[in-house]
């Protein structure tokens, strides 16, 4: 028999993947480097492992949602990421879809959560 908590955690992991993308995009209207992004997201209640974040940032850059630049003025060089114009349009569209989805889910499961 399956463990309820284990099953819930697996499903939550799937749900979190998409929400992390929206969370990351939401914080990159101004340039940030990876570790600062981990910190900001954590402060806002979204824990993201750096091992998850950095491949995601590279993928979003490859999809042209983000641009990056190196700052070598500090003792430790940092790669900064920021939304592109295309990324901003995609982010806005994702927010619209998220709001519609959450409204639908609220209608389906009700305010009490099931």
N, C-alpha and C. Protein backbone atom coordinates (compact mmCIF):
# COMPACT_ATOMS: atom_id res chain seq x y z
N UNK A 1 0.85 -1.19 0.00
CA UNK A 1 0.00 0.00 0.00
C UNK A 1 0.89 1.25 0.00
N UNK A 2 0.50 2.22 -0.78
CA UNK A 2 1.28 3.45 -0.92
C UNK A 2 1.19 4.29 0.36
N UNK A 3 2.27 4.99 0.64
CA UNK A 3 2.32 5.90 1.77
C UNK A 3 1.69 7.23 1.35
N UNK A 4 0.71 7.71 2.10
CA UNK A 4 -0.01 8.94 1.76
C UNK A 4 0.96 10.13 1.69
N UNK A 5 1.79 10.31 2.70
CA UNK A 5 2.70 11.45 2.72
C UNK A 5 3.70 11.39 1.57
N UNK A 6 4.18 10.20 1.26
CA UNK A 6 5.12 10.05 0.16
C UNK A 6 4.46 10.41 -1.17
N UNK A 7 3.23 9.99 -1.33
CA UNK A 7 2.49 10.30 -2.55
C UNK A 7 2.23 11.80 -2.65
N UNK A 8 1.82 12.41 -1.55
CA UNK A 8 1.60 13.87 -1.53
C UNK A 8 2.88 14.60 -1.89
N UNK A 9 4.00 14.19 -1.33
CA UNK A 9 5.27 14.86 -1.61
C UNK A 9 5.65 14.74 -3.08
N UNK A 10 5.40 13.58 -3.68
CA UNK A 10 5.69 13.41 -5.11
C UNK A 10 4.85 14.32 -5.98
N UNK A 11 3.58 14.42 -5.66
CA UNK A 11 2.68 15.29 -6.43
C UNK A 11 3.04 16.76 -6.21
N UNK A 12 3.35 17.12 -4.97
CA UNK A 12 3.76 18.50 -4.69
C UNK A 12 5.02 18.87 -5.46
N UNK A 13 5.93 17.93 -5.58
CA UNK A 13 7.15 18.18 -6.33
C UNK A 13 6.83 18.54 -7.78
N UNK A 14 5.88 17.83 -8.37
CA UNK A 14 5.45 18.13 -9.74
C UNK A 14 4.81 19.51 -9.82
N UNK A 15 3.97 19.85 -8.86
CA UNK A 15 3.31 21.15 -8.85
C UNK A 15 4.31 22.30 -8.69
N UNK A 16 5.31 22.07 -7.86
CA UNK A 16 6.29 23.12 -7.58
C UNK A 16 7.13 23.50 -8.80
N UNK A 17 7.36 22.55 -9.70
CA UNK A 17 8.22 22.84 -10.86
C UNK A 17 7.75 24.07 -11.63
N UNK A 18 6.47 24.11 -11.95
CA UNK A 18 5.94 25.25 -12.69
C UNK A 18 5.88 26.52 -11.87
N UNK A 19 5.56 26.38 -10.59
CA UNK A 19 5.47 27.57 -9.75
C UNK A 19 6.84 28.20 -9.52
N UNK A 20 7.87 27.38 -9.50
CA UNK A 20 9.22 27.92 -9.34
C UNK A 20 9.58 28.80 -10.53
N UNK A 21 9.19 28.39 -11.72
CA UNK A 21 9.48 29.19 -12.92
C UNK A 21 8.82 30.55 -12.80
N UNK A 22 7.56 30.58 -12.44
CA UNK A 22 6.86 31.86 -12.28
C UNK A 22 7.52 32.69 -11.18
N UNK A 23 7.87 32.05 -10.08
CA UNK A 23 8.54 32.75 -8.98
C UNK A 23 9.85 33.36 -9.41
N UNK A 24 10.64 32.62 -10.15
CA UNK A 24 11.93 33.12 -10.63
C UNK A 24 11.72 34.30 -11.57
N UNK A 25 10.84 34.14 -12.54
CA UNK A 25 10.60 35.23 -13.49
C UNK A 25 10.10 36.48 -12.78
N UNK A 26 9.30 36.30 -11.74
CA UNK A 26 8.73 37.45 -11.02
C UNK A 26 9.80 38.30 -10.34
N UNK A 27 10.93 37.71 -10.05
CA UNK A 27 11.97 38.42 -9.32
C UNK A 27 13.07 38.99 -10.21
N UNK A 28 12.95 38.79 -11.51
CA UNK A 28 14.04 39.21 -12.39
C UNK A 28 13.69 40.41 -13.27
N UNK A 29 12.79 41.27 -12.79
CA UNK A 29 12.57 42.53 -13.50
C UNK A 29 13.79 43.43 -13.34
N UNK A 30 14.55 43.18 -12.27
CA UNK A 30 15.84 43.82 -12.08
C UNK A 30 16.88 42.72 -11.98
N UNK A 31 18.09 42.99 -12.46
CA UNK A 31 19.14 41.97 -12.51
C UNK A 31 19.49 41.44 -11.12
N UNK A 32 19.62 40.13 -11.04
CA UNK A 32 20.04 39.47 -9.81
C UNK A 32 20.95 38.31 -10.16
N UNK A 33 21.84 37.98 -9.23
CA UNK A 33 22.66 36.78 -9.41
C UNK A 33 22.00 35.62 -8.68
N UNK A 34 22.43 34.43 -8.99
CA UNK A 34 21.76 33.22 -8.52
C UNK A 34 21.54 33.15 -7.02
N UNK A 35 22.60 33.35 -6.22
CA UNK A 35 22.44 33.20 -4.78
C UNK A 35 21.48 34.24 -4.21
N UNK A 36 21.52 35.47 -4.74
CA UNK A 36 20.59 36.49 -4.24
C UNK A 36 19.16 36.10 -4.57
N UNK A 37 18.97 35.45 -5.70
CA UNK A 37 17.65 34.98 -6.10
C UNK A 37 17.16 33.88 -5.16
N UNK A 38 18.05 32.95 -4.81
CA UNK A 38 17.70 31.89 -3.84
C UNK A 38 17.24 32.53 -2.53
N UNK A 39 17.97 33.53 -2.07
CA UNK A 39 17.66 34.20 -0.80
C UNK A 39 16.32 34.92 -0.86
N UNK A 40 16.10 35.69 -1.92
CA UNK A 40 14.85 36.46 -2.05
C UNK A 40 13.65 35.52 -2.13
N UNK A 41 13.77 34.48 -2.93
CA UNK A 41 12.65 33.54 -3.05
C UNK A 41 12.37 32.85 -1.72
N UNK A 42 13.42 32.49 -1.01
CA UNK A 42 13.25 31.85 0.29
C UNK A 42 12.54 32.79 1.27
N UNK A 43 12.93 34.06 1.27
CA UNK A 43 12.28 35.05 2.13
C UNK A 43 10.79 35.18 1.82
N UNK A 44 10.44 34.91 0.56
CA UNK A 44 9.04 35.03 0.13
C UNK A 44 8.30 33.70 0.19
N UNK A 45 8.93 32.69 0.79
CA UNK A 45 8.26 31.42 1.03
C UNK A 45 8.44 30.36 -0.03
N UNK A 46 9.35 30.59 -0.99
CA UNK A 46 9.61 29.59 -2.03
C UNK A 46 11.05 29.12 -1.89
N UNK A 47 11.21 27.93 -1.31
CA UNK A 47 12.55 27.38 -1.13
C UNK A 47 12.99 26.73 -2.44
N UNK A 48 14.13 27.17 -2.95
CA UNK A 48 14.68 26.63 -4.19
C UNK A 48 16.12 26.23 -3.93
N UNK A 49 16.42 24.99 -4.20
CA UNK A 49 17.78 24.50 -4.06
C UNK A 49 18.64 25.08 -5.19
N UNK A 50 19.85 25.54 -4.87
CA UNK A 50 20.72 26.06 -5.94
C UNK A 50 20.94 25.05 -7.06
N UNK A 51 20.95 23.77 -6.73
CA UNK A 51 21.11 22.73 -7.74
C UNK A 51 19.93 22.65 -8.70
N UNK A 52 18.81 23.19 -8.29
CA UNK A 52 17.63 23.29 -9.15
C UNK A 52 17.62 24.62 -9.89
N UNK A 53 18.01 25.68 -9.18
CA UNK A 53 17.92 27.03 -9.74
C UNK A 53 18.86 27.27 -10.92
N UNK A 54 20.12 26.91 -10.78
CA UNK A 54 21.09 27.26 -11.82
C UNK A 54 20.79 26.59 -13.16
N UNK A 55 20.44 25.29 -13.19
CA UNK A 55 20.03 24.71 -14.49
C UNK A 55 18.77 25.39 -15.04
N UNK A 56 17.85 25.78 -14.15
CA UNK A 56 16.64 26.47 -14.59
C UNK A 56 16.99 27.82 -15.22
N UNK A 57 17.88 28.57 -14.59
CA UNK A 57 18.29 29.87 -15.14
C UNK A 57 18.92 29.69 -16.52
N UNK A 58 19.76 28.67 -16.68
CA UNK A 58 20.39 28.42 -17.99
C UNK A 58 19.33 28.06 -19.04
N UNK A 59 18.35 27.24 -18.62
CA UNK A 59 17.29 26.86 -19.56
C UNK A 59 16.45 28.06 -19.97
N UNK A 60 16.10 28.92 -19.00
CA UNK A 60 15.30 30.11 -19.30
C UNK A 60 16.07 31.08 -20.18
N UNK A 61 17.38 31.13 -19.99
CA UNK A 61 18.21 31.99 -20.86
C UNK A 61 18.24 31.41 -22.28
N UNK A 62 18.35 30.09 -22.38
CA UNK A 62 18.36 29.45 -23.69
C UNK A 62 17.03 29.66 -24.42
N UNK A 63 15.93 29.75 -23.66
CA UNK A 63 14.61 30.01 -24.23
C UNK A 63 14.40 31.50 -24.51
N UNK A 64 15.42 32.30 -24.23
CA UNK A 64 15.42 33.75 -24.47
C UNK A 64 14.46 34.51 -23.57
N UNK A 65 14.12 33.92 -22.42
CA UNK A 65 13.31 34.62 -21.43
C UNK A 65 14.18 35.50 -20.55
N UNK A 66 15.44 35.12 -20.41
CA UNK A 66 16.40 35.86 -19.60
C UNK A 66 17.62 36.21 -20.42
N UNK A 67 18.27 37.29 -20.00
CA UNK A 67 19.60 37.61 -20.52
C UNK A 67 20.53 37.58 -19.31
N UNK A 68 21.81 37.46 -19.57
CA UNK A 68 22.75 37.43 -18.45
C UNK A 68 23.98 38.25 -18.80
N UNK A 69 24.66 38.69 -17.75
CA UNK A 69 25.92 39.40 -17.93
C UNK A 69 26.77 39.15 -16.68
N UNK A 70 28.07 39.16 -16.89
CA UNK A 70 29.00 38.93 -15.78
C UNK A 70 29.42 40.25 -15.17
N UNK A 71 29.47 40.29 -13.85
CA UNK A 71 30.04 41.43 -13.13
C UNK A 71 31.35 40.94 -12.54
N UNK A 72 32.44 41.46 -13.07
CA UNK A 72 33.76 41.05 -12.60
C UNK A 72 34.41 42.12 -11.73
N UNK A 73 33.63 43.11 -11.30
CA UNK A 73 34.18 44.19 -10.48
C UNK A 73 34.36 43.76 -9.03
N UNK A 74 33.65 42.75 -8.59
CA UNK A 74 33.77 42.25 -7.22
C UNK A 74 34.92 41.25 -7.15
N UNK A 75 35.29 40.90 -5.91
CA UNK A 75 36.35 39.91 -5.73
C UNK A 75 35.96 38.58 -6.37
N UNK A 76 34.67 38.29 -6.32
CA UNK A 76 34.15 37.05 -6.90
C UNK A 76 33.21 37.41 -8.05
N UNK A 77 33.55 37.02 -9.28
CA UNK A 77 32.67 37.34 -10.41
C UNK A 77 31.29 36.72 -10.23
N UNK A 78 30.27 37.46 -10.63
CA UNK A 78 28.89 36.99 -10.51
C UNK A 78 28.17 37.16 -11.84
N UNK A 79 27.36 36.17 -12.15
CA UNK A 79 26.55 36.22 -13.36
C UNK A 79 25.17 36.72 -12.96
N UNK A 80 24.77 37.84 -13.56
CA UNK A 80 23.47 38.44 -13.27
C UNK A 80 22.48 38.08 -14.37
N UNK A 81 21.26 37.81 -13.95
CA UNK A 81 20.18 37.45 -14.87
C UNK A 81 19.09 38.50 -14.79
N UNK A 82 18.43 38.74 -15.93
CA UNK A 82 17.32 39.69 -15.97
C UNK A 82 16.37 39.29 -17.08
N UNK A 83 15.08 39.59 -16.86
CA UNK A 83 14.07 39.30 -17.87
C UNK A 83 14.37 40.06 -19.16
N UNK A 84 14.18 39.40 -20.28
CA UNK A 84 14.21 40.08 -21.58
C UNK A 84 12.80 40.63 -21.82
N UNK A 85 12.64 41.41 -22.87
CA UNK A 85 11.30 41.90 -23.23
C UNK A 85 10.38 40.72 -23.52
N UNK A 86 10.91 39.72 -24.24
CA UNK A 86 10.15 38.50 -24.52
C UNK A 86 9.80 37.79 -23.22
N UNK A 87 10.76 37.70 -22.31
CA UNK A 87 10.53 37.07 -21.02
C UNK A 87 9.45 37.78 -20.22
N UNK A 88 9.43 39.10 -20.31
CA UNK A 88 8.41 39.87 -19.61
C UNK A 88 7.02 39.56 -20.17
N UNK A 89 6.91 39.46 -21.49
CA UNK A 89 5.63 39.11 -22.11
C UNK A 89 5.18 37.72 -21.69
N UNK A 90 6.12 36.78 -21.69
CA UNK A 90 5.80 35.41 -21.28
C UNK A 90 5.37 35.39 -19.81
N UNK A 91 6.10 36.11 -18.98
CA UNK A 91 5.76 36.18 -17.55
C UNK A 91 4.35 36.74 -17.35
N UNK A 92 4.02 37.81 -18.04
CA UNK A 92 2.68 38.39 -17.92
C UNK A 92 1.61 37.38 -18.35
N UNK A 93 1.88 36.65 -19.44
CA UNK A 93 0.94 35.63 -19.90
C UNK A 93 0.79 34.50 -18.89
N UNK A 94 1.91 34.08 -18.30
CA UNK A 94 1.85 33.05 -17.28
C UNK A 94 1.05 33.50 -16.07
N UNK A 95 1.19 34.76 -15.69
CA UNK A 95 0.43 35.29 -14.56
C UNK A 95 -1.07 35.28 -14.85
N UNK A 96 -1.44 35.66 -16.07
CA UNK A 96 -2.86 35.61 -16.45
C UNK A 96 -3.39 34.18 -16.35
N UNK A 97 -2.62 33.24 -16.90
CA UNK A 97 -3.03 31.84 -16.87
C UNK A 97 -3.07 31.30 -15.45
N UNK A 98 -2.11 31.70 -14.62
CA UNK A 98 -2.08 31.28 -13.21
C UNK A 98 -3.33 31.76 -12.47
N UNK A 99 -3.67 33.01 -12.67
CA UNK A 99 -4.87 33.55 -12.01
C UNK A 99 -6.13 32.81 -12.45
N UNK A 100 -6.24 32.52 -13.73
CA UNK A 100 -7.40 31.77 -14.24
C UNK A 100 -7.42 30.36 -13.67
N UNK A 101 -6.26 29.73 -13.62
CA UNK A 101 -6.16 28.37 -13.10
C UNK A 101 -6.52 28.33 -11.61
N UNK A 102 -5.98 29.26 -10.84
CA UNK A 102 -6.28 29.25 -9.41
C UNK A 102 -7.75 29.56 -9.15
N UNK A 103 -8.34 30.43 -9.96
CA UNK A 103 -9.77 30.72 -9.82
C UNK A 103 -10.59 29.46 -10.12
N UNK A 104 -10.21 28.74 -11.16
CA UNK A 104 -10.91 27.50 -11.50
C UNK A 104 -10.76 26.47 -10.40
N UNK A 105 -9.55 26.32 -9.89
CA UNK A 105 -9.33 25.34 -8.83
C UNK A 105 -10.06 25.71 -7.55
N UNK A 106 -10.12 27.00 -7.27
CA UNK A 106 -10.86 27.44 -6.08
C UNK A 106 -12.35 27.10 -6.26
N UNK A 107 -12.85 27.25 -7.47
CA UNK A 107 -14.24 26.90 -7.75
C UNK A 107 -14.47 25.39 -7.62
N UNK A 108 -13.50 24.62 -8.07
CA UNK A 108 -13.64 23.16 -8.02
C UNK A 108 -13.53 22.61 -6.60
N UNK A 109 -12.49 23.04 -5.86
CA UNK A 109 -12.27 22.45 -4.54
C UNK A 109 -12.89 23.28 -3.42
N UNK A 110 -13.33 24.48 -3.72
CA UNK A 110 -13.96 25.32 -2.70
C UNK A 110 -12.93 26.00 -1.81
N UNK A 111 -13.42 26.88 -0.98
CA UNK A 111 -12.55 27.65 -0.09
C UNK A 111 -11.95 26.81 1.02
N UNK A 112 -12.61 25.70 1.37
CA UNK A 112 -12.12 24.88 2.48
C UNK A 112 -11.06 23.89 2.07
N UNK A 113 -10.73 23.85 0.77
CA UNK A 113 -9.63 23.00 0.33
C UNK A 113 -9.98 21.53 0.16
N UNK A 114 -11.22 21.20 -0.15
CA UNK A 114 -11.54 19.83 -0.48
C UNK A 114 -12.46 19.22 0.47
